[in-house]
C-alpha atoms as a PDB file:
ATOM      1  CA  MET A   1      15.247   0.684   9.587  1.00  0.00           C
ATOM      2  CA  ASN A   2      14.700   4.391   8.712  1.00  0.00           C
ATOM      3  CA  SER A   3      13.787   6.000  11.487  1.00  0.00           C
ATOM      4  CA  ALA A   4      10.280   7.482  10.181  1.00  0.00           C
ATOM      5  CA  LEU A   5       8.435   4.282  10.035  1.00  0.00           C
ATOM      6  CA  ARG A   6       8.541   3.444  13.929  1.00  0.00           C
ATOM      7  CA  GLY A   7       5.882   2.844  15.784  1.00  0.00           C
ATOM      8  CA  ARG A   8       1.993   2.297  14.656  1.00  0.00           C
ATOM      9  CA  PHE A   9       2.953   2.272  10.714  1.00  0.00           C
ATOM     10  CA  VAL A  10      -0.300   1.745   8.968  1.00  0.00           C
ATOM     11  CA  ILE A  11      -1.410   0.935   5.234  1.00  0.00           C
ATOM     12  CA  ILE A  12      -4.366   1.556   3.778  1.00  0.00           C
ATOM     13  CA  ALA A  13      -4.532  -0.578   0.667  1.00  0.00           C
ATOM     14  CA  PRO A  14      -7.382  -1.896  -2.027  1.00  0.00           C
ATOM     15  CA  ARG A  15      -6.861  -5.585  -1.327  1.00  0.00           C
ATOM     16  CA  LEU A  16      -4.506  -7.149   0.870  1.00  0.00           C
ATOM     17  CA  GLN A  17      -2.521  -7.942  -2.355  1.00  0.00           C
ATOM     18  CA  ASP A  18      -1.705  -4.359  -3.373  1.00  0.00           C
ATOM     19  CA  ALA A  19      -0.333  -4.213  -0.009  1.00  0.00           C
ATOM     20  CA  VAL A  20       1.931  -7.278  -0.649  1.00  0.00           C
ATOM     21  CA  LEU A  21       3.183  -6.197  -4.185  1.00  0.00           C
ATOM     22  CA  SER A  22       3.390  -2.481  -3.337  1.00  0.00           C
ATOM     23  CA  LEU A  23       5.289  -2.429   0.090  1.00  0.00           C
ATOM     24  CA  GLY A  24       5.778  -6.232   1.150  1.00  0.00           C
ATOM     25  CA  ALA A  25       9.467  -5.654   1.993  1.00  0.00           C
ATOM     26  CA  THR A  26       9.167  -2.476   3.592  1.00  0.00           C
ATOM     27  CA  ILE A  27       6.214  -3.986   5.629  1.00  0.00           C
ATOM     28  CA  ALA A  28       8.256  -6.748   6.728  1.00  0.00           C
ATOM     29  CA  ASN A  29      11.336  -4.637   7.883  1.00  0.00           C
ATOM     30  CA  ALA A  30       8.808  -2.968  10.057  1.00  0.00           C
ATOM     31  CA  ALA A  31       7.504  -5.285  11.606  1.00  0.00           C
ATOM     32  CA  ARG A  32      10.770  -7.574  11.926  1.00  0.00           C
ATOM     33  CA  GLU A  33      12.358  -4.154  13.626  1.00  0.00           C
ATOM     34  CA  GLY A  34       9.329  -4.082  15.927  1.00  0.00           C
ATOM     35  CA  SER A  35       6.853  -1.390  14.526  1.00  0.00           C
ATOM     36  CA  ASN A  36       3.192  -2.386  14.612  1.00  0.00           C
ATOM     37  CA  VAL A  37       2.548  -2.991  11.260  1.00  0.00           C
ATOM     38  CA  GLU A  38      -1.506  -2.917  10.380  1.00  0.00           C
ATOM     39  CA  ILE A  39      -2.862  -3.777   6.614  1.00  0.00           C
ATOM     40  CA  VAL A  40      -6.596  -2.010   6.670  1.00  0.00           C
ATOM     41  CA  THR A  41      -8.190  -2.822   2.967  1.00  0.00           C
ATOM     42  CA  VAL A  42     -11.335  -1.442   1.813  1.00  0.00           C
ATOM     43  CA  PHE A  43     -12.445  -3.685  -0.126  1.00  0.00           C
ATOM     44  CA  SER A  44     -13.028  -7.679  -0.010  1.00  0.00           C
ATOM     45  CA  SER A  45     -10.807 -10.403   1.700  1.00  0.00           C
ATOM     46  CA  GLN A  46      -9.628 -13.254   0.028  1.00  0.00           C
ATOM     47  CA  SER A  47      -8.541 -16.755   1.554  1.00  0.00           C
ATOM     48  CA  GLU A  48      -5.209 -16.091   1.096  1.00  0.00           C
ATOM     49  CA  ASP A  49      -4.612 -12.558   2.775  1.00  0.00           C
ATOM     50  CA  GLN A  50      -4.054 -13.905   6.736  1.00  0.00           C
ATOM     51  CA  PHE A  51      -1.317 -16.624   5.974  1.00  0.00           C
ATOM     52  CA  ALA A  52      -0.006 -13.600   3.301  1.00  0.00           C
ATOM     53  CA  CYS A  53       0.220 -11.230   6.456  1.00  0.00           C
ATOM     54  CA  SER A  54       1.675 -13.331   8.715  1.00  0.00           C
ATOM     55  CA  LEU A  55       4.700 -14.007   6.315  1.00  0.00           C
ATOM     56  CA  LEU A  56       5.485 -10.158   6.719  1.00  0.00           C
ATOM     57  CA  GLY A  57       4.464 -10.261  10.437  1.00  0.00           C
ATOM     58  CA  ALA A  58       1.777  -7.490  10.136  1.00  0.00           C
ATOM     59  CA  SER A  59      -2.187  -8.051  10.923  1.00  0.00           C
ATOM     60  CA  ALA A  60      -4.794  -7.162   8.792  1.00  0.00           C
ATOM     61  CA  HIS A  61      -8.534  -5.475   8.794  1.00  0.00           C
ATOM     62  CA  TRP A  62     -10.849  -5.252   6.181  1.00  0.00           C
ATOM     63  CA  LEU A  63     -13.947  -2.889   5.636  1.00  0.00           C
ATOM     64  CA  SER A  64     -15.639  -4.900   2.811  1.00  0.00           C
ATOM     65  CA  VAL A  65     -17.168  -1.728   1.059  1.00  0.00           C
ATOM     66  CA  ASP A  66     -18.241  -3.513  -1.805  1.00  0.00           C
ATOM     67  CA  GLY A  67     -20.785  -6.053   0.168  1.00  0.00           C
ATOM     68  CA  ILE A  68     -22.312  -3.147   1.630  1.00  0.00           C
ATOM     69  CA  GLN A  69     -25.565  -1.802  -0.047  1.00  0.00           C
ATOM     70  CA  CYS A  70     -25.778   1.736   0.278  1.00  0.00           C
ATOM     71  CA  ASP A  71     -25.768   5.265  -1.539  1.00  0.00           C
ATOM     72  CA  ALA A  72     -21.986   6.951  -2.809  1.00  0.00           C
ATOM     73  CA  THR A  73     -22.414   9.420   0.180  1.00  0.00           C
ATOM     74  CA  ALA A  74     -22.536   7.066   2.790  1.00  0.00           C
ATOM     75  CA  ARG A  75     -20.155   4.709   1.199  1.00  0.00           C
ATOM     76  CA  GLU A  76     -17.138   7.537   0.794  1.00  0.00           C
ATOM     77  CA  SER A  77     -18.565   8.665   4.514  1.00  0.00           C
ATOM     78  CA  TYR A  78     -18.550   4.794   6.045  1.00  0.00           C
ATOM     79  CA  VAL A  79     -14.774   4.375   4.278  1.00  0.00           C
ATOM     80  CA  VAL A  80     -13.910   7.636   5.465  1.00  0.00           C
ATOM     81  CA  ASP A  81     -14.718   7.039   9.183  1.00  0.00           C
ATOM     82  CA  ALA A  82     -13.659   3.527   9.241  1.00  0.00           C
ATOM     83  CA  VAL A  83     -10.326   4.874   8.423  1.00  0.00           C
ATOM     84  CA  GLN A  84      -9.839   7.402  10.871  1.00  0.00           C
ATOM     85  CA  ARG A  85     -11.205   5.188  13.750  1.00  0.00           C
ATOM     86  CA  TRP A  86      -7.827   2.865  12.569  1.00  0.00           C
ATOM     87  CA  THR A  87      -5.716   5.096  12.290  1.00  0.00           C
ATOM     88  CA  ALA A  88      -6.544   7.909  15.168  1.00  0.00           C
ATOM     89  CA  ASP A  89      -3.236   7.458  16.264  1.00  0.00           C
ATOM     90  CA  ALA A  90      -1.144   5.690  14.026  1.00  0.00           C
ATOM     91  CA  ASP A  91       2.467   7.332  13.537  1.00  0.00           C
ATOM     92  CA  VAL A  92       2.573   6.462   9.789  1.00  0.00           C
ATOM     93  CA  ILE A  93      -0.307   6.251   7.308  1.00  0.00           C
ATOM     94  CA  ALA A  94       0.227   4.903   4.345  1.00  0.00           C
ATOM     95  CA  ILE A  95      -2.256   5.065   1.020  1.00  0.00           C
ATOM     96  CA  PRO A  96      -2.305   4.385  -3.097  1.00  0.00           C
ATOM     97  CA  GLY A  97      -0.602   7.379  -4.710  1.00  0.00           C
ATOM     98  CA  VAL A  98       0.879   6.085  -8.258  1.00  0.00           C
ATOM     99  CA  PRO A  99      -0.545   5.783 -11.061  1.00  0.00           C
ATOM    100  CA  LEU A 100      -3.743   4.594  -9.898  1.00  0.00           C
ATOM    101  CA  VAL A 101      -4.996   3.222 -13.102  1.00  0.00           C
ATOM    102  CA  ASN A 102      -8.050   1.693 -10.939  1.00  0.00           C
ATOM    103  CA  ALA A 103     -11.112   4.084 -10.397  1.00  0.00           C
ATOM    104  CA  GLY A 104     -11.380   2.293  -7.233  1.00  0.00           C
ATOM    105  CA  ASP A 105      -8.026   2.446  -5.984  1.00  0.00           C
ATOM    106  CA  ALA A 106      -7.927   6.927  -6.805  1.00  0.00           C
ATOM    107  CA  TRP A 107     -11.261   7.201  -5.025  1.00  0.00           C
ATOM    108  CA  ILE A 108     -10.111   5.507  -1.796  1.00  0.00           C
ATOM    109  CA  SER A 109      -7.065   7.919  -1.727  1.00  0.00           C
ATOM    110  CA  GLU A 110      -9.033  10.909  -3.075  1.00  0.00           C
ATOM    111  CA  ILE A 111     -11.535  10.802  -0.394  1.00  0.00           C
ATOM    112  CA  LEU A 112      -8.898  10.237   2.161  1.00  0.00           C
ATOM    113  CA  LEU A 113      -6.887  13.325   1.062  1.00  0.00           C
ATOM    114  CA  ARG A 114      -9.927  15.332   0.524  1.00  0.00           C
ATOM    115  CA  ARG A 115     -11.967  14.635   4.252  1.00  0.00           C
ATOM    116  CA  GLY A 116      -8.802  14.731   5.392  1.00  0.00           C
ATOM    117  CA  LEU A 117      -6.571  12.706   8.055  1.00  0.00           C
ATOM    118  CA  ASP A 118      -6.282  12.529  11.619  1.00  0.00           C
ATOM    119  CA  HIS A 119      -2.614  11.663  11.512  1.00  0.00           C
ATOM    120  CA  ARG A 120       0.995  12.534  12.185  1.00  0.00           C
ATOM    121  CA  ARG A 121       2.530  11.738   8.765  1.00  0.00           C
ATOM    122  CA  VAL A 122       0.886  10.426   5.664  1.00  0.00           C
ATOM    123  CA  ALA A 123       3.104   8.727   2.971  1.00  0.00           C
ATOM    124  CA  LEU A 124       1.494   7.460  -0.751  1.00  0.00           C
ATOM    125  CA  TYR A 125       2.926   4.441  -2.214  1.00  0.00           C
ATOM    126  CA  ALA A 126       3.778   3.149  -5.816  1.00  0.00           C
ATOM    127  CA  GLU A 127       1.033   0.773  -6.598  1.00  0.00           C
ATOM    128  CA  GLN A 128       2.447  -2.366  -7.842  1.00  0.00           C
ATOM    129  CA  PRO A 129       2.088  -4.349 -10.496  1.00  0.00           C
ATOM    130  CA  ALA A 130       0.662  -0.942 -12.344  1.00  0.00           C
ATOM    131  CA  TRP A 131       3.894   1.204 -11.647  1.00  0.00           C
ATOM    132  CA  PHE A 132       6.439  -1.381 -12.370  1.00  0.00           C
ATOM    133  CA  LYS A 133       4.451  -2.204 -15.816  1.00  0.00           C
ATOM    134  CA  GLN A 134       4.345   2.111 -16.637  1.00  0.00           C
ATOM    135  CA  ARG A 135       8.053   2.281 -15.664  1.00  0.00           C
ATOM    136  CA  ARG A 136       9.105   2.366 -19.122  1.00  0.00           C
ATOM    137  CA  GLN A 137       7.165   5.252 -20.345  1.00  0.00           C
ATOM    138  CA  ASN A 138       7.364   7.673 -16.810  1.00  0.00           C
ATOM    139  CA  SER A 139       9.863   6.134 -14.602  1.00  0.00           C
ATOM    140  CA  GLU A 140      10.034   9.517 -12.699  1.00  0.00           C
ATOM    141  CA  LEU A 141       7.952   9.342  -9.212  1.00  0.00           C
ATOM    142  CA  CYS A 142       5.679  12.042  -8.749  1.00  0.00           C
ATOM    143  CA  ALA A 143       1.904  11.493  -7.514  1.00  0.00           C
ATOM    144  CA  SER A 144      -1.078  10.805  -9.447  1.00  0.00           C
ATOM    145  CA  ALA A 145      -2.569  13.840 -11.435  1.00  0.00           C
ATOM    146  CA  ARG A 146      -6.019  13.080 -10.028  1.00  0.00           C
ATOM    147  CA  LEU A 147      -4.291  13.560  -5.933  1.00  0.00           C
ATOM    148  CA  GLN A 148      -2.385  17.049  -7.233  1.00  0.00           C
ATOM    149  CA  PRO A 149      -5.621  19.580  -5.988  1.00  0.00           C
ATOM    150  CA  PHE A 150      -5.757  17.700  -2.838  1.00  0.00           C
ATOM    151  CA  LEU A 151      -1.210  18.104  -2.194  1.00  0.00           C
ATOM    152  CA  ASN A 152      -0.170  21.007  -0.614  1.00  0.00           C
ATOM    153  CA  ASP A 153       3.376  20.986  -1.059  1.00  0.00           C
ATOM    154  CA  ILE A 154       6.226  18.623  -2.653  1.00  0.00           C
ATOM    155  CA  VAL A 155       6.013  14.911  -2.168  1.00  0.00           C
ATOM    156  CA  ARG A 156       9.592  14.049  -0.780  1.00  0.00           C
ATOM    157  CA  TRP A 157      10.252  10.090  -2.265  1.00  0.00           C
ATOM    158  CA  THR A 158      12.275   8.082  -0.080  1.00  0.00           C
ATOM    159  CA  LEU A 159      12.955   3.973  -0.386  1.00  0.00           C
ATOM    160  CA  HIS A 160      12.622   1.188   1.812  1.00  0.00           C
ATOM    161  CA  GLY A 161      12.281  -2.545   2.565  1.00  0.00           C
ATOM    162  CA  SER A 162      16.042  -3.145   0.522  1.00  0.00           C
ATOM    163  CA  THR A 163      17.205  -5.904   2.519  1.00  0.00           C
ATOM    164  CA  ALA A 164      17.378  -9.155   0.404  1.00  0.00           C
ATOM    165  CA  HIS A 165      16.015 -10.816   3.720  1.00  0.00           C
ATOM    166  CA  ASP A 166      13.204  -8.601   3.019  1.00  0.00           C
ATOM    167  CA  ARG A 167      12.606  -8.831  -0.230  1.00  0.00           C
ATOM    168  CA  ASN A 168      12.240 -12.793   0.275  1.00  0.00           C
ATOM    169  CA  ALA A 169       9.847 -12.172   2.927  1.00  0.00           C
ATOM    170  CA  LYS A 170       7.775 -10.080  -0.106  1.00  0.00           C
ATOM    171  CA  ARG A 171       8.261 -13.028  -2.642  1.00  0.00           C
ATOM    172  CA  MET A 172       6.750 -15.565  -0.053  1.00  0.00           C
ATOM    173  CA  ALA A 173       3.947 -13.240   0.662  1.00  0.00           C
ATOM    174  CA  ALA A 174       3.180 -12.920  -3.020  1.00  0.00           C
ATOM    175  CA  ARG A 175       3.480 -16.563  -3.623  1.00  0.00           C
ATOM    176  CA  ALA A 176       0.700 -17.345  -0.785  1.00  0.00           C
ATOM    177  CA  TYR A 177      -1.769 -16.609  -3.542  1.00  0.00           C
ATOM    178  CA  GLY A 178      -0.845 -19.151  -5.444  1.00  0.00           C
ATOM    179  CA  SER A 179      -0.482 -19.398  -9.320  1.00  0.00           C
ATOM    180  CA  HIS A 180      -4.369 -18.649 -11.083  1.00  0.00           C
ATOM    181  CA  ARG A 181      -4.598 -15.647  -8.052  1.00  0.00           C
ATOM    182  CA  MET A 182      -0.824 -14.034  -9.062  1.00  0.00           C
ATOM    183  CA  ARG A 183      -1.566 -14.901 -12.780  1.00  0.00           C
ATOM    184  CA  THR A 184      -4.029 -12.148 -12.763  1.00  0.00           C
ATOM    185  CA  ARG A 185      -2.046  -9.676 -11.163  1.00  0.00           C
ATOM    186  CA  MET A 186       1.561 -10.734 -11.978  1.00  0.00           C
ATOM    187  CA  PRO A 187       2.730 -14.097 -13.214  1.00  0.00           C
ATOM    188  CA  PHE A 188       5.872 -15.209 -10.614  1.00  0.00           C
ATOM    189  CA  SER A 189       7.954 -14.495 -13.464  1.00  0.00           C
ATOM    190  CA  ALA A 190       7.003 -10.891 -13.306  1.00  0.00           C
ATOM    191  CA  LEU A 191       7.229 -10.683  -9.723  1.00  0.00           C
ATOM    192  CA  ASN A 192      10.947 -11.855 -10.105  1.00  0.00           C
ATOM    193  CA  ARG A 193      11.679  -9.011 -12.350  1.00  0.00           C
ATOM    194  CA  LEU A 194       9.865  -6.460 -10.031  1.00  0.00           C
ATOM    195  CA  LEU A 195      11.695  -7.588  -6.964  1.00  0.00           C
ATOM    196  CA  GLY A 196      15.416  -7.115  -9.002  1.00  0.00           C
ATOM    197  CA  TYR A 197      14.277  -3.865 -10.476  1.00  0.00           C
ATOM    198  CA  GLU A 198      13.577  -2.808  -6.878  1.00  0.00           C
ATOM    199  CA  PHE A 199      16.931  -4.197  -5.679  1.00  0.00           C
ATOM    200  CA  THR A 200      18.597  -2.156  -8.444  1.00  0.00           C
ATOM    201  CA  MET A 201      16.210   1.172  -7.548  1.00  0.00           C
ATOM    202  CA  GLY A 202      16.989   0.635  -4.343  1.00  0.00           C
ATOM    203  CA  GLY A 203      13.676  -0.589  -2.457  1.00  0.00           C
ATOM    204  CA  GLU A 204       9.931   0.965  -2.075  1.00  0.00           C
ATOM    205  CA  PRO A 205       9.036   3.865  -2.490  1.00  0.00           C
ATOM    206  CA  LEU A 206       7.293   6.166  -0.359  1.00  0.00           C
ATOM    207  CA  GLY A 207       6.235   9.660  -0.937  1.00  0.00           C
ATOM    208  CA  TRP A 208       6.142  11.874   2.031  1.00  0.00           C
ATOM    209  CA  ILE A 209       3.111  14.657   1.336  1.00  0.00           C
ATOM    210  CA  ASP A 210       3.664  16.733   4.684  1.00  0.00           C
END
């Protein structure tokens, strides 16, 4: 395992399935090598989340912000405060970074970067399957334009979770959601193409911003 992911590794995701599709192999590899991997999901949970998480060796926490009745300012403060508590002693924090086609996903990363995270290291991850679908339009990895105002330095991209064992763990965790749920995000045939592409690419990308 890359030493950058040792220790307590926390992934912030809109939903747990986003973390599975985007960083499943990386999560499996880090957990197998002894890191404490946790996924903090901002929106509501799904019934399959716990099982998918167990297949990767991670634990999960849900903020379920979409079920809270409050104004936009209070909602933002709730998310930022909760994430700061969960990541207070994290060694690595990963947040959505590209392509951020969903407004809710972009909102999460924008408020966390704008209001600051108490962290040692923060990385951006490529959201799947959105980035995989857009790769022919722009195959270059770079942070979403929506995040550029909050980034002071060049983002340095590295690849993780490239072993067959870890890719298989990702496949199993993704398939835990069943054909109906996967059909709305990424059919199983497309999942296999994604895994094949990540094998050719050399792993799942993380972009380091500090």
